[in-house]
């Protein structure tokens, strides 16, 4: 899953199986978080990458 969240309040702007263009996601919300109205930054604050687990045979 991919997530785009607000750095201030952790509001989820996007969650899904496909990677998305972060700038387009921000534009959709007018470059402001709809919950806390803070300006959205294009600089990543936290990046987490997890591997997908394989099903047991």
N, C-alpha and C. Protein backbone atom coordinates (compact mmCIF):
# COMPACT_ATOMS: atom_id res chain seq x y z
N UNK A 1 0.84 -1.19 0.00
CA UNK A 1 0.00 0.00 0.00
C UNK A 1 0.89 1.25 0.00
N UNK A 2 0.43 2.23 -0.69
CA UNK A 2 1.10 3.53 -0.72
C UNK A 2 0.23 4.52 0.04
N UNK A 3 0.87 5.40 0.80
CA UNK A 3 0.17 6.42 1.56
C UNK A 3 0.81 7.78 1.35
N UNK A 4 -0.01 8.80 1.25
CA UNK A 4 0.45 10.19 1.26
C UNK A 4 -0.30 10.83 2.43
N UNK A 5 0.46 11.30 3.44
CA UNK A 5 -0.17 11.85 4.64
C UNK A 5 0.36 13.23 4.97
N UNK A 6 -0.44 14.00 5.68
CA UNK A 6 -0.04 15.32 6.16
C UNK A 6 1.00 15.15 7.26
N UNK A 7 2.06 15.93 7.20
CA UNK A 7 3.13 15.86 8.19
C UNK A 7 2.68 16.39 9.54
N UNK A 8 1.76 17.33 9.56
CA UNK A 8 1.33 17.96 10.81
C UNK A 8 0.31 17.12 11.57
N UNK A 9 -0.76 16.67 10.90
CA UNK A 9 -1.87 16.00 11.60
C UNK A 9 -2.05 14.53 11.21
N UNK A 10 -1.24 14.04 10.28
CA UNK A 10 -1.29 12.65 9.81
C UNK A 10 -2.57 12.29 9.06
N UNK A 11 -3.26 13.28 8.51
CA UNK A 11 -4.44 13.02 7.69
C UNK A 11 -4.00 12.28 6.43
N UNK A 12 -4.67 11.22 6.06
CA UNK A 12 -4.33 10.44 4.88
C UNK A 12 -4.94 11.08 3.64
N UNK A 13 -4.08 11.63 2.78
CA UNK A 13 -4.51 12.26 1.54
C UNK A 13 -4.72 11.22 0.44
N UNK A 14 -3.94 10.12 0.51
CA UNK A 14 -4.06 9.05 -0.47
C UNK A 14 -3.62 7.75 0.18
N UNK A 15 -4.33 6.68 -0.12
CA UNK A 15 -3.89 5.33 0.22
C UNK A 15 -4.37 4.42 -0.89
N UNK A 16 -3.48 3.58 -1.38
CA UNK A 16 -3.85 2.70 -2.47
C UNK A 16 -2.71 1.79 -2.90
N UNK A 17 -3.01 0.91 -3.82
CA UNK A 17 -2.04 -0.07 -4.31
C UNK A 17 -1.07 0.52 -5.33
N UNK A 18 -1.45 1.62 -5.97
CA UNK A 18 -0.60 2.22 -7.00
C UNK A 18 0.15 3.43 -6.45
N UNK A 19 1.38 3.60 -6.92
CA UNK A 19 2.13 4.81 -6.60
C UNK A 19 1.51 5.96 -7.36
N UNK A 20 1.42 7.13 -6.73
CA UNK A 20 0.82 8.29 -7.37
C UNK A 20 1.79 9.45 -7.38
N UNK A 21 1.52 10.40 -8.23
CA UNK A 21 2.29 11.63 -8.27
C UNK A 21 1.85 12.49 -7.08
N UNK A 22 2.77 12.75 -6.17
CA UNK A 22 2.45 13.48 -4.94
C UNK A 22 2.00 14.91 -5.26
N UNK A 23 2.62 15.53 -6.23
CA UNK A 23 2.24 16.91 -6.59
C UNK A 23 0.80 16.98 -7.08
N UNK A 24 0.37 16.00 -7.86
CA UNK A 24 -1.02 15.98 -8.33
C UNK A 24 -1.98 15.75 -7.17
N UNK A 25 -1.57 14.93 -6.22
CA UNK A 25 -2.40 14.70 -5.04
C UNK A 25 -2.54 16.00 -4.24
N UNK A 26 -1.46 16.74 -4.08
CA UNK A 26 -1.50 18.02 -3.36
C UNK A 26 -2.38 19.02 -4.08
N UNK A 27 -2.26 19.07 -5.41
CA UNK A 27 -3.08 20.00 -6.20
C UNK A 27 -4.56 19.71 -6.04
N UNK A 28 -4.90 18.45 -5.91
CA UNK A 28 -6.29 18.04 -5.72
C UNK A 28 -6.88 18.68 -4.46
N UNK A 29 -6.04 18.88 -3.45
CA UNK A 29 -6.47 19.48 -2.18
C UNK A 29 -6.10 20.95 -2.07
N UNK A 30 -5.61 21.55 -3.16
CA UNK A 30 -5.25 22.97 -3.15
C UNK A 30 -3.99 23.26 -2.36
N UNK A 31 -3.08 22.31 -2.30
CA UNK A 31 -1.80 22.42 -1.58
C UNK A 31 -1.95 22.67 -0.09
N UNK A 32 -3.14 22.38 0.47
CA UNK A 32 -3.36 22.51 1.91
C UNK A 32 -4.09 21.28 2.43
N UNK A 33 -3.75 20.89 3.63
CA UNK A 33 -4.40 19.75 4.26
C UNK A 33 -5.86 20.12 4.56
N UNK A 34 -6.82 19.26 4.18
CA UNK A 34 -8.22 19.57 4.44
C UNK A 34 -8.60 19.49 5.92
N UNK A 35 -7.78 18.85 6.73
CA UNK A 35 -8.09 18.75 8.16
C UNK A 35 -7.51 19.91 8.96
N UNK A 36 -6.20 20.17 8.82
CA UNK A 36 -5.55 21.19 9.66
C UNK A 36 -5.20 22.46 8.89
N UNK A 37 -5.43 22.48 7.59
CA UNK A 37 -5.20 23.63 6.71
C UNK A 37 -3.73 24.08 6.63
N UNK A 38 -2.80 23.21 7.02
CA UNK A 38 -1.39 23.56 6.89
C UNK A 38 -0.94 23.33 5.45
N UNK A 39 0.07 24.08 5.04
CA UNK A 39 0.61 23.97 3.69
C UNK A 39 1.31 22.62 3.56
N UNK A 40 1.04 21.90 2.48
CA UNK A 40 1.65 20.59 2.25
C UNK A 40 3.04 20.76 1.64
N UNK A 41 3.99 20.04 2.16
CA UNK A 41 5.37 20.13 1.70
C UNK A 41 5.70 18.98 0.76
N UNK A 42 6.48 19.27 -0.27
CA UNK A 42 6.88 18.23 -1.22
C UNK A 42 8.11 17.48 -0.73
N UNK A 43 8.73 17.94 0.35
CA UNK A 43 9.89 17.24 0.89
C UNK A 43 9.42 16.07 1.74
N UNK A 44 9.91 14.86 1.44
CA UNK A 44 9.48 13.71 2.24
C UNK A 44 10.01 13.83 3.67
N UNK A 45 9.16 13.57 4.64
CA UNK A 45 9.55 13.62 6.05
C UNK A 45 9.83 12.23 6.58
N UNK A 46 9.09 11.26 6.08
CA UNK A 46 9.25 9.89 6.56
C UNK A 46 8.95 8.95 5.40
N UNK A 47 9.86 8.05 5.14
CA UNK A 47 9.67 7.06 4.09
C UNK A 47 9.84 5.68 4.71
N UNK A 48 8.84 4.84 4.55
CA UNK A 48 8.88 3.48 5.07
C UNK A 48 8.62 2.53 3.91
N UNK A 49 9.51 1.57 3.75
CA UNK A 49 9.36 0.57 2.69
C UNK A 49 9.32 -0.79 3.37
N UNK A 50 8.26 -1.54 3.09
CA UNK A 50 8.13 -2.87 3.65
C UNK A 50 7.95 -3.88 2.52
N UNK A 51 8.56 -5.03 2.67
CA UNK A 51 8.41 -6.08 1.69
C UNK A 51 7.08 -6.77 1.83
N UNK A 52 6.62 -7.34 0.76
CA UNK A 52 5.36 -8.07 0.77
C UNK A 52 5.65 -9.50 1.21
N UNK A 53 4.87 -9.99 2.13
CA UNK A 53 5.08 -11.37 2.62
C UNK A 53 4.55 -12.38 1.62
N UNK A 54 5.27 -13.44 1.49
CA UNK A 54 4.85 -14.53 0.61
C UNK A 54 3.87 -15.42 1.34
N UNK A 55 2.86 -15.91 0.64
CA UNK A 55 1.92 -16.83 1.29
C UNK A 55 2.60 -18.15 1.64
N UNK A 56 2.18 -18.76 2.72
CA UNK A 56 2.74 -20.05 3.14
C UNK A 56 2.29 -21.14 2.17
N UNK A 57 3.21 -22.07 1.84
CA UNK A 57 2.84 -23.15 0.91
C UNK A 57 1.92 -24.16 1.54
